[in-house]
């Protein structure tokens, strides 16, 4: 069997070859405890995700008749928002 000329094992990188961290490098680094961000990197944006809503919706459990739910679902995506709109109109009436 012919010998492989190229090694298939990954090249080992010695951690001692990494550049030294300066005080400035530590200042710019973000600090984490596990997956949780403790302190963001200096100059980094700290807000992530959607902006907070002024009047956020609340999650509730509500029992409705099956035929009513089917009617809204058959109209496609956004059926929960349409139920919300109908309830809002009923309150104003």
PDB file of N, CA and C in Angstrom:
ATOM      1  N   UNK A   1       0.856  -1.175   0.000  1.00  0.00           N
ATOM      2  CA  UNK A   1       0.000   0.000   0.000  1.00  0.00           C
ATOM      3  C   UNK A   1       0.898   1.232   0.000  1.00  0.00           C
ATOM      4  N   UNK A   2       0.620   2.225  -0.858  1.00  0.00           N
ATOM      5  CA  UNK A   2       1.461   3.427  -0.912  1.00  0.00           C
ATOM      6  C   UNK A   2       1.250   4.289   0.331  1.00  0.00           C
ATOM      7  N   UNK A   3       2.301   4.953   0.731  1.00  0.00           N
ATOM      8  CA  UNK A   3       2.261   5.853   1.889  1.00  0.00           C
ATOM      9  C   UNK A   3       1.654   7.198   1.515  1.00  0.00           C
ATOM     10  N   UNK A   4       0.876   7.782   2.446  1.00  0.00           N
ATOM     11  CA  UNK A   4       0.362   9.141   2.248  1.00  0.00           C
ATOM     12  C   UNK A   4       1.499  10.125   2.458  1.00  0.00           C
ATOM     13  N   UNK A   5       1.627  11.036   1.525  1.00  0.00           N
ATOM     14  CA  UNK A   5       2.659  12.054   1.658  1.00  0.00           C
ATOM     15  C   UNK A   5       2.212  13.143   2.633  1.00  0.00           C
ATOM     16  N   UNK A   6       0.904  13.352   2.730  1.00  0.00           N
ATOM     17  CA  UNK A   6       0.366  14.422   3.563  1.00  0.00           C
ATOM     18  C   UNK A   6      -0.198  13.816   4.848  1.00  0.00           C
ATOM     19  N   UNK A   7       0.115  14.405   5.966  1.00  0.00           N
ATOM     20  CA  UNK A   7      -0.393  13.933   7.240  1.00  0.00           C
ATOM     21  C   UNK A   7      -1.857  14.338   7.382  1.00  0.00           C
ATOM     22  N   UNK A   8      -2.686  13.451   7.915  1.00  0.00           N
ATOM     23  CA  UNK A   8      -4.095  13.767   8.106  1.00  0.00           C
ATOM     24  C   UNK A   8      -4.384  14.277   9.512  1.00  0.00           C
ATOM     25  N   UNK A   9      -3.410  14.211  10.402  1.00  0.00           N
ATOM     26  CA  UNK A   9      -3.621  14.704  11.764  1.00  0.00           C
ATOM     27  C   UNK A   9      -3.503  16.229  11.779  1.00  0.00           C
ATOM     28  N   UNK A  10      -4.343  16.888  12.594  1.00  0.00           N
ATOM     29  CA  UNK A  10      -4.283  18.346  12.639  1.00  0.00           C
ATOM     30  C   UNK A  10      -2.965  18.838  13.235  1.00  0.00           C
ATOM     31  N   UNK A  11      -2.555  19.996  12.793  1.00  0.00           N
ATOM     32  CA  UNK A  11      -1.318  20.595  13.300  1.00  0.00           C
ATOM     33  C   UNK A  11      -1.567  21.081  14.717  1.00  0.00           C
ATOM     34  N   UNK A  12      -0.698  20.737  15.620  1.00  0.00           N
ATOM     35  CA  UNK A  12      -0.829  21.145  17.019  1.00  0.00           C
ATOM     36  C   UNK A  12      -0.361  22.586  17.164  1.00  0.00           C
ATOM     37  N   UNK A  13      -1.179  23.380  17.860  1.00  0.00           N
ATOM     38  CA  UNK A  13      -0.818  24.761  18.130  1.00  0.00           C
ATOM     39  C   UNK A  13      -0.512  24.869  19.611  1.00  0.00           C
ATOM     40  N   UNK A  14       0.657  25.341  19.922  1.00  0.00           N
ATOM     41  CA  UNK A  14       1.081  25.479  21.313  1.00  0.00           C
ATOM     42  C   UNK A  14       0.440  26.736  21.903  1.00  0.00           C
ATOM     43  N   UNK A  15      -0.327  26.606  23.014  1.00  0.00           N
ATOM     44  CA  UNK A  15      -0.962  27.792  23.594  1.00  0.00           C
ATOM     45  C   UNK A  15       0.045  28.823  24.090  1.00  0.00           C
ATOM     46  N   UNK A  16       1.258  28.415  24.337  1.00  0.00           N
ATOM     47  CA  UNK A  16       2.287  29.361  24.776  1.00  0.00           C
ATOM     48  C   UNK A  16       2.726  30.286  23.649  1.00  0.00           C
ATOM     49  N   UNK A  17       2.377  29.947  22.400  1.00  0.00           N
ATOM     50  CA  UNK A  17       2.744  30.783  21.259  1.00  0.00           C
ATOM     51  C   UNK A  17       1.775  31.941  21.064  1.00  0.00           C
ATOM     52  N   UNK A  18       0.681  31.964  21.819  1.00  0.00           N
ATOM     53  CA  UNK A  18      -0.304  33.042  21.680  1.00  0.00           C
ATOM     54  C   UNK A  18       0.316  34.362  22.145  1.00  0.00           C
ATOM     55  N   UNK A  19      -0.073  35.480  21.517  1.00  0.00           N
ATOM     56  CA  UNK A  19       0.488  36.762  21.933  1.00  0.00           C
ATOM     57  C   UNK A  19       0.041  37.125  23.356  1.00  0.00           C
ATOM     58  N   UNK A  20       0.866  37.841  24.054  1.00  0.00           N
ATOM     59  CA  UNK A  20       0.547  38.260  25.424  1.00  0.00           C
ATOM     60  C   UNK A  20      -0.563  39.307  25.393  1.00  0.00           C
ATOM     61  N   UNK A  21      -1.428  39.269  26.411  1.00  0.00           N
ATOM     62  CA  UNK A  21      -2.508  40.236  26.522  1.00  0.00           C
ATOM     63  C   UNK A  21      -2.019  41.458  27.275  1.00  0.00           C
ATOM     64  N   UNK A  22      -2.277  42.605  26.701  1.00  0.00           N
ATOM     65  CA  UNK A  22      -1.913  43.856  27.363  1.00  0.00           C
ATOM     66  C   UNK A  22      -3.091  44.324  28.215  1.00  0.00           C
ATOM     67  N   UNK A  23      -2.883  45.354  29.008  1.00  0.00           N
ATOM     68  CA  UNK A  23      -3.963  45.922  29.822  1.00  0.00           C
ATOM     69  C   UNK A  23      -5.082  46.434  28.918  1.00  0.00           C
ATOM     70  N   UNK A  24      -4.716  47.001  27.766  1.00  0.00           N
ATOM     71  CA  UNK A  24      -5.708  47.504  26.816  1.00  0.00           C
ATOM     72  C   UNK A  24      -6.553  46.360  26.249  1.00  0.00           C
ATOM     73  N   UNK A  25      -5.938  45.230  25.981  1.00  0.00           N
ATOM     74  CA  UNK A  25      -6.659  44.069  25.461  1.00  0.00           C
ATOM     75  C   UNK A  25      -7.682  43.593  26.484  1.00  0.00           C
ATOM     76  N   UNK A  26      -7.294  43.513  27.751  1.00  0.00           N
ATOM     77  CA  UNK A  26      -8.214  43.108  28.806  1.00  0.00           C
ATOM     78  C   UNK A  26      -9.366  44.103  28.945  1.00  0.00           C
ATOM     79  N   UNK A  27      -9.076  45.377  28.776  1.00  0.00           N
ATOM     80  CA  UNK A  27     -10.098  46.419  28.884  1.00  0.00           C
ATOM     81  C   UNK A  27     -11.162  46.271  27.812  1.00  0.00           C
ATOM     82  N   UNK A  28     -10.743  45.872  26.614  1.00  0.00           N
ATOM     83  CA  UNK A  28     -11.666  45.752  25.488  1.00  0.00           C
ATOM     84  C   UNK A  28     -12.427  44.431  25.480  1.00  0.00           C
ATOM     85  N   UNK A  29     -12.003  43.462  26.264  1.00  0.00           N
ATOM     86  CA  UNK A  29     -12.611  42.126  26.237  1.00  0.00           C
ATOM     87  C   UNK A  29     -13.964  42.114  26.940  1.00  0.00           C
ATOM     88  N   UNK A  30     -14.865  41.252  26.462  1.00  0.00           N
ATOM     89  CA  UNK A  30     -16.119  41.069  27.169  1.00  0.00           C
ATOM     90  C   UNK A  30     -15.935  39.933  28.166  1.00  0.00           C
ATOM     91  N   UNK A  31     -16.615  40.061  29.299  1.00  0.00           N
ATOM     92  CA  UNK A  31     -16.481  39.051  30.342  1.00  0.00           C
ATOM     93  C   UNK A  31     -17.761  38.243  30.434  1.00  0.00           C
ATOM     94  N   UNK A  32     -17.603  36.922  30.545  1.00  0.00           N
ATOM     95  CA  UNK A  32     -18.747  36.014  30.590  1.00  0.00           C
ATOM     96  C   UNK A  32     -18.612  35.052  31.755  1.00  0.00           C
ATOM     97  N   UNK A  33     -19.749  34.628  32.250  1.00  0.00           N
ATOM     98  CA  UNK A  33     -19.807  33.540  33.223  1.00  0.00           C
ATOM     99  C   UNK A  33     -20.671  32.473  32.571  1.00  0.00           C
ATOM    100  N   UNK A  34     -20.020  31.444  32.034  1.00  0.00           N
ATOM    101  CA  UNK A  34     -20.737  30.447  31.240  1.00  0.00           C
ATOM    102  C   UNK A  34     -21.198  31.100  29.952  1.00  0.00           C
ATOM    103  N   UNK A  35     -22.485  31.001  29.641  1.00  0.00           N
ATOM    104  CA  UNK A  35     -23.042  31.625  28.438  1.00  0.00           C
ATOM    105  C   UNK A  35     -23.554  33.030  28.696  1.00  0.00           C
ATOM    106  N   UNK A  36     -23.560  33.460  29.965  1.00  0.00           N
ATOM    107  CA  UNK A  36     -24.135  34.761  30.329  1.00  0.00           C
ATOM    108  C   UNK A  36     -23.083  35.865  30.238  1.00  0.00           C
ATOM    109  N   UNK A  37     -23.454  36.960  29.595  1.00  0.00           N
ATOM    110  CA  UNK A  37     -22.580  38.113  29.451  1.00  0.00           C
ATOM    111  C   UNK A  37     -22.588  38.901  30.754  1.00  0.00           C
ATOM    112  N   UNK A  38     -21.430  39.037  31.388  1.00  0.00           N
ATOM    113  CA  UNK A  38     -21.307  39.765  32.647  1.00  0.00           C
ATOM    114  C   UNK A  38     -21.018  41.243  32.365  1.00  0.00           C
ATOM    115  N   UNK A  39     -20.053  41.500  31.510  1.00  0.00           N
ATOM    116  CA  UNK A  39     -19.693  42.879  31.163  1.00  0.00           C
ATOM    117  C   UNK A  39     -19.378  42.923  29.671  1.00  0.00           C
ATOM    118  N   UNK A  40     -20.031  43.808  28.915  1.00  0.00           N
ATOM    119  CA  UNK A  40     -19.760  43.882  27.481  1.00  0.00           C
ATOM    120  C   UNK A  40     -18.388  44.463  27.205  1.00  0.00           C
ATOM    121  N   UNK A  41     -17.903  44.186  26.037  1.00  0.00           N
ATOM    122  CA  UNK A  41     -16.631  44.754  25.615  1.00  0.00           C
ATOM    123  C   UNK A  41     -16.760  46.267  25.544  1.00  0.00           C
ATOM    124  N   UNK A  42     -15.691  46.960  25.873  1.00  0.00           N
ATOM    125  CA  UNK A  42     -15.720  48.423  25.865  1.00  0.00           C
ATOM    126  C   UNK A  42     -16.021  48.922  24.452  1.00  0.00           C
ATOM    127  N   UNK A  43     -17.016  49.784  24.341  1.00  0.00           N
ATOM    128  CA  UNK A  43     -17.390  50.329  23.037  1.00  0.00           C
ATOM    129  C   UNK A  43     -18.388  49.460  22.295  1.00  0.00           C
ATOM    130  N   UNK A  44     -18.750  48.300  22.844  1.00  0.00           N
ATOM    131  CA  UNK A  44     -19.711  47.422  22.174  1.00  0.00           C
ATOM    132  C   UNK A  44     -21.136  47.859  22.490  1.00  0.00           C
ATOM    133  N   UNK A  45     -22.036  47.551  21.591  1.00  0.00           N
ATOM    134  CA  UNK A  45     -23.446  47.829  21.839  1.00  0.00           C
ATOM    135  C   UNK A  45     -23.953  46.810  22.852  1.00  0.00           C
ATOM    136  N   UNK A  46     -24.654  47.250  23.856  1.00  0.00           N
ATOM    137  CA  UNK A  46     -25.136  46.331  24.876  1.00  0.00           C
ATOM    138  C   UNK A  46     -26.569  45.884  24.622  1.00  0.00           C
ATOM    139  N   UNK A  47     -27.306  46.605  23.810  1.00  0.00           N
ATOM    140  CA  UNK A  47     -28.694  46.235  23.542  1.00  0.00           C
ATOM    141  C   UNK A  47     -28.725  45.195  22.439  1.00  0.00           C
ATOM    142  N   UNK A  48     -29.419  44.108  22.711  1.00  0.00           N
ATOM    143  CA  UNK A  48     -29.545  43.046  21.717  1.00  0.00           C
ATOM    144  C   UNK A  48     -31.009  42.692  21.579  1.00  0.00           C
ATOM    145  N   UNK A  49     -31.381  42.203  20.409  1.00  0.00           N
ATOM    146  CA  UNK A  49     -32.761  41.798  20.186  1.00  0.00           C
ATOM    147  C   UNK A  49     -33.653  42.977  19.846  1.00  0.00           C
ATOM    148  N   UNK A  50     -34.933  42.721  19.920  1.00  0.00           N
ATOM    149  CA  UNK A  50     -35.911  43.761  19.588  1.00  0.00           C
ATOM    150  C   UNK A  50     -35.932  44.832  20.666  1.00  0.00           C
ATOM    151  N   UNK A  51     -36.255  46.068  20.280  1.00  0.00           N
ATOM    152  CA  UNK A  51     -36.414  47.110  21.294  1.00  0.00           C
ATOM    153  C   UNK A  51     -37.642  46.816  22.151  1.00  0.00           C
ATOM    154  N   UNK A  52     -37.615  47.248  23.388  1.00  0.00           N
ATOM    155  CA  UNK A  52     -38.730  47.026  24.303  1.00  0.00           C
ATOM    156  C   UNK A  52     -39.946  47.810  23.833  1.00  0.00           C
ATOM    157  N   UNK A  53     -41.103  47.167  23.892  1.00  0.00           N
ATOM    158  CA  UNK A  53     -42.357  47.814  23.504  1.00  0.00           C
ATOM    159  C   UNK A  53     -42.862  48.690  24.643  1.00  0.00           C
ATOM    160  N   UNK A  54     -43.527  49.766  24.268  1.00  0.00           N
ATOM    161  CA  UNK A  54     -44.103  50.658  25.278  1.00  0.00           C
ATOM    162  C   UNK A  54     -45.241  49.954  26.022  1.00  0.00           C
ATOM    163  N   UNK A  55     -46.064  49.218  25.282  1.00  0.00           N
ATOM    164  CA  UNK A  55     -47.178  48.462  25.861  1.00  0.00           C
ATOM    165  C   UNK A  55     -47.066  47.009  25.396  1.00  0.00           C
ATOM    166  N   UNK A  56     -46.243  46.199  26.039  1.00  0.00           N
ATOM    167  CA  UNK A  56     -46.075  44.815  25.573  1.00  0.00           C
ATOM    168  C   UNK A  56     -47.338  43.993  25.803  1.00  0.00           C
ATOM    169  N   UNK A  57     -47.534  43.008  24.940  1.00  0.00           N
ATOM    170  CA  UNK A  57     -48.691  42.126  25.075  1.00  0.00           C
ATOM    171  C   UNK A  57     -48.417  41.123  26.184  1.00  0.00           C
ATOM    172  N   UNK A  58     -49.489  40.642  26.797  1.00  0.00           N
ATOM    173  CA  UNK A  58     -49.396  39.660  27.862  1.00  0.00           C
ATOM    174  C   UNK A  58     -49.839  38.306  27.339  1.00  0.00           C
ATOM    175  N   UNK A  59     -49.178  37.260  27.780  1.00  0.00           N
ATOM    176  CA  UNK A  59     -49.591  35.921  27.400  1.00  0.00           C
ATOM    177  C   UNK A  59     -50.636  35.439  28.398  1.00  0.00           C
ATOM    178  N   UNK A  60     -51.755  34.962  27.877  1.00  0.00           N
ATOM    179  CA  UNK A  60     -52.844  34.454  28.721  1.00  0.00           C
ATOM    180  C   UNK A  60     -53.330  33.125  28.156  1.00  0.00           C
ATOM    181  N   UNK A  61     -54.021  32.373  28.971  1.00  0.00           N
ATOM    182  CA  UNK A  61     -54.682  31.163  28.515  1.00  0.00           C
ATOM    183  C   UNK A  61     -56.163  31.478  28.420  1.00  0.00           C
ATOM    184  N   UNK A  62     -56.743  31.188  27.286  1.00  0.00           N
ATOM    185  CA  UNK A  62     -58.137  31.528  27.029  1.00  0.00           C
ATOM    186  C   UNK A  62     -58.778  30.351  26.305  1.00  0.00           C
ATOM    187  N   UNK A  63     -59.908  29.890  26.791  1.00  0.00           N
ATOM    188  CA  UNK A  63     -60.620  28.781  26.139  1.00  0.00           C
ATOM    189  C   UNK A  63     -61.684  29.359  25.198  1.00  0.00           C
ATOM    190  N   UNK A  64     -61.560  28.982  23.927  1.00  0.00           N
ATOM    191  CA  UNK A  64     -62.518  29.420  22.912  1.00  0.00           C
ATOM    192  C   UNK A  64     -63.057  28.189  22.198  1.00  0.00           C
ATOM    193  N   UNK A  65     -64.227  28.328  21.585  1.00  0.00           N
ATOM    194  CA  UNK A  65     -64.816  27.216  20.838  1.00  0.00           C
ATOM    195  C   UNK A  65     -63.930  26.842  19.655  1.00  0.00           C
ATOM    196  N   UNK A  66     -63.868  25.535  19.369  1.00  0.00           N
ATOM    197  CA  UNK A  66     -63.004  25.016  18.304  1.00  0.00           C
ATOM    198  C   UNK A  66     -63.356  25.604  16.945  1.00  0.00           C
ATOM    199  N   UNK A  67     -64.664  25.753  16.655  1.00  0.00           N
ATOM    200  CA  UNK A  67     -65.063  26.286  15.346  1.00  0.00           C
ATOM    201  C   UNK A  67     -64.619  27.738  15.173  1.00  0.00           C
ATOM    202  N   UNK A  68     -64.585  28.483  16.269  1.00  0.00           N
ATOM    203  CA  UNK A  68     -64.132  29.875  16.223  1.00  0.00           C
ATOM    204  C   UNK A  68     -62.628  29.930  15.890  1.00  0.00           C
ATOM    205  N   UNK A  69     -61.855  29.104  16.569  1.00  0.00           N
ATOM    206  CA  UNK A  69     -60.407  29.053  16.320  1.00  0.00           C
ATOM    207  C   UNK A  69     -60.134  28.595  14.886  1.00  0.00           C
ATOM    208  N   UNK A  70     -60.861  27.556  14.435  1.00  0.00           N
ATOM    209  CA  UNK A  70     -60.672  27.052  13.067  1.00  0.00           C
ATOM    210  C   UNK A  70     -60.939  28.145  12.037  1.00  0.00           C
ATOM    211  N   UNK A  71     -61.972  28.944  12.270  1.00  0.00           N
ATOM    212  CA  UNK A  71     -62.324  30.023  11.331  1.00  0.00           C
ATOM    213  C   UNK A  71     -61.182  31.026  11.195  1.00  0.00           C
ATOM    214  N   UNK A  72     -60.590  31.412  12.315  1.00  0.00           N
ATOM    215  CA  UNK A  72     -59.476  32.368  12.266  1.00  0.00           C
ATOM    216  C   UNK A  72     -58.219  31.734  11.678  1.00  0.00           C
ATOM    217  N   UNK A  73     -57.946  30.493  12.035  1.00  0.00           N
ATOM    218  CA  UNK A  73     -56.750  29.814  11.505  1.00  0.00           C
ATOM    219  C   UNK A  73     -56.843  29.594  10.000  1.00  0.00           C
ATOM    220  N   UNK A  74     -58.035  29.329   9.510  1.00  0.00           N
ATOM    221  CA  UNK A  74     -58.213  29.102   8.064  1.00  0.00           C
ATOM    222  C   UNK A  74     -57.885  30.343   7.240  1.00  0.00           C
ATOM    223  N   UNK A  75     -57.930  31.506   7.845  1.00  0.00           N
ATOM    224  CA  UNK A  75     -57.591  32.739   7.126  1.00  0.00           C
ATOM    225  C   UNK A  75     -56.087  32.921   6.977  1.00  0.00           C
ATOM    226  N   UNK A  76     -55.289  32.055   7.611  1.00  0.00           N
ATOM    227  CA  UNK A  76     -53.838  32.099   7.443  1.00  0.00           C
ATOM    228  C   UNK A  76     -53.113  32.683   8.636  1.00  0.00           C
ATOM    229  N   UNK A  77     -51.798  32.912   8.462  1.00  0.00           N
ATOM    230  CA  UNK A  77     -50.979  33.433   9.553  1.00  0.00           C
ATOM    231  C   UNK A  77     -51.500  34.778  10.058  1.00  0.00           C
ATOM    232  N   UNK A  78     -51.275  35.028  11.345  1.00  0.00           N
ATOM    233  CA  UNK A  78     -51.729  36.264  11.952  1.00  0.00           C
ATOM    234  C   UNK A  78     -53.094  36.116  12.604  1.00  0.00           C
ATOM    235  N   UNK A  79     -53.550  34.872  12.762  1.00  0.00           N
ATOM    236  CA  UNK A  79     -54.895  34.651  13.288  1.00  0.00           C
ATOM    237  C   UNK A  79     -55.040  35.154  14.722  1.00  0.00           C
ATOM    238  N   UNK A  80     -53.982  35.066  15.523  1.00  0.00           N
ATOM    239  CA  UNK A  80     -54.074  35.551  16.900  1.00  0.00           C
ATOM    240  C   UNK A  80     -54.210  37.071  16.937  1.00  0.00           C
ATOM    241  N   UNK A  81     -53.493  37.756  16.046  1.00  0.00           N
ATOM    242  CA  UNK A  81     -53.610  39.216  15.964  1.00  0.00           C
ATOM    243  C   UNK A  81     -55.010  39.622  15.503  1.00  0.00           C
ATOM    244  N   UNK A  82     -55.595  38.829  14.599  1.00  0.00           N
ATOM    245  CA  UNK A  82     -56.954  39.138  14.148  1.00  0.00           C
ATOM    246  C   UNK A  82     -57.963  38.957  15.280  1.00  0.00           C
ATOM    247  N   UNK A  83     -57.765  37.938  16.110  1.00  0.00           N
ATOM    248  CA  UNK A  83     -58.638  37.767  17.275  1.00  0.00           C
ATOM    249  C   UNK A  83     -58.478  38.971  18.196  1.00  0.00           C
ATOM    250  N   UNK A  84     -57.243  39.418  18.396  1.00  0.00           N
ATOM    251  CA  UNK A  84     -56.977  40.598  19.236  1.00  0.00           C
ATOM    252  C   UNK A  84     -57.720  41.815  18.685  1.00  0.00           C
ATOM    253  N   UNK A  85     -57.669  42.008  17.356  1.00  0.00           N
ATOM    254  CA  UNK A  85     -58.350  43.147  16.727  1.00  0.00           C
ATOM    255  C   UNK A  85     -59.864  43.063  16.924  1.00  0.00           C
ATOM    256  N   UNK A  86     -60.421  41.861  16.784  1.00  0.00           N
ATOM    257  CA  UNK A  86     -61.872  41.684  16.977  1.00  0.00           C
ATOM    258  C   UNK A  86     -62.273  41.990  18.408  1.00  0.00           C
ATOM    259  N   UNK A  87     -61.493  41.551  19.355  1.00  0.00           N
ATOM    260  CA  UNK A  87     -61.792  41.832  20.754  1.00  0.00           C
ATOM    261  C   UNK A  87     -61.707  43.337  21.039  1.00  0.00           C
ATOM    262  N   UNK A  88     -60.737  44.007  20.446  1.00  0.00           N
ATOM    263  CA  UNK A  88     -60.593  45.446  20.634  1.00  0.00           C
ATOM    264  C   UNK A  88     -61.811  46.189  20.061  1.00  0.00           C
ATOM    265  N   UNK A  89     -62.269  45.765  18.856  1.00  0.00           N
ATOM    266  CA  UNK A  89     -63.462  46.378  18.255  1.00  0.00           C
ATOM    267  C   UNK A  89     -64.695  46.151  19.121  1.00  0.00           C
ATOM    268  N   UNK A  90     -64.812  44.950  19.715  1.00  0.00           N
ATOM    269  CA  UNK A  90     -65.967  44.633  20.560  1.00  0.00           C
ATOM    270  C   UNK A  90     -65.976  45.504  21.814  1.00  0.00           C
ATOM    271  N   UNK A  91     -64.822  45.812  22.341  1.00  0.00           N
ATOM    272  CA  UNK A  91     -64.739  46.665  23.544  1.00  0.00           C
ATOM    273  C   UNK A  91     -65.159  48.090  23.204  1.00  0.00           C
ATOM    274  N   UNK A  92     -64.758  48.574  22.036  1.00  0.00           N
ATOM    275  CA  UNK A  92     -65.087  49.951  21.629  1.00  0.00           C
ATOM    276  C   UNK A  92     -66.571  50.112  21.275  1.00  0.00           C
ATOM    277  N   UNK A  93     -67.200  49.026  20.847  1.00  0.00           N
ATOM    278  CA  UNK A  93     -68.620  49.095  20.423  1.00  0.00           C
ATOM    279  C   UNK A  93     -69.556  49.235  21.582  1.00  0.00           C
TER     280      UNK A  93
END
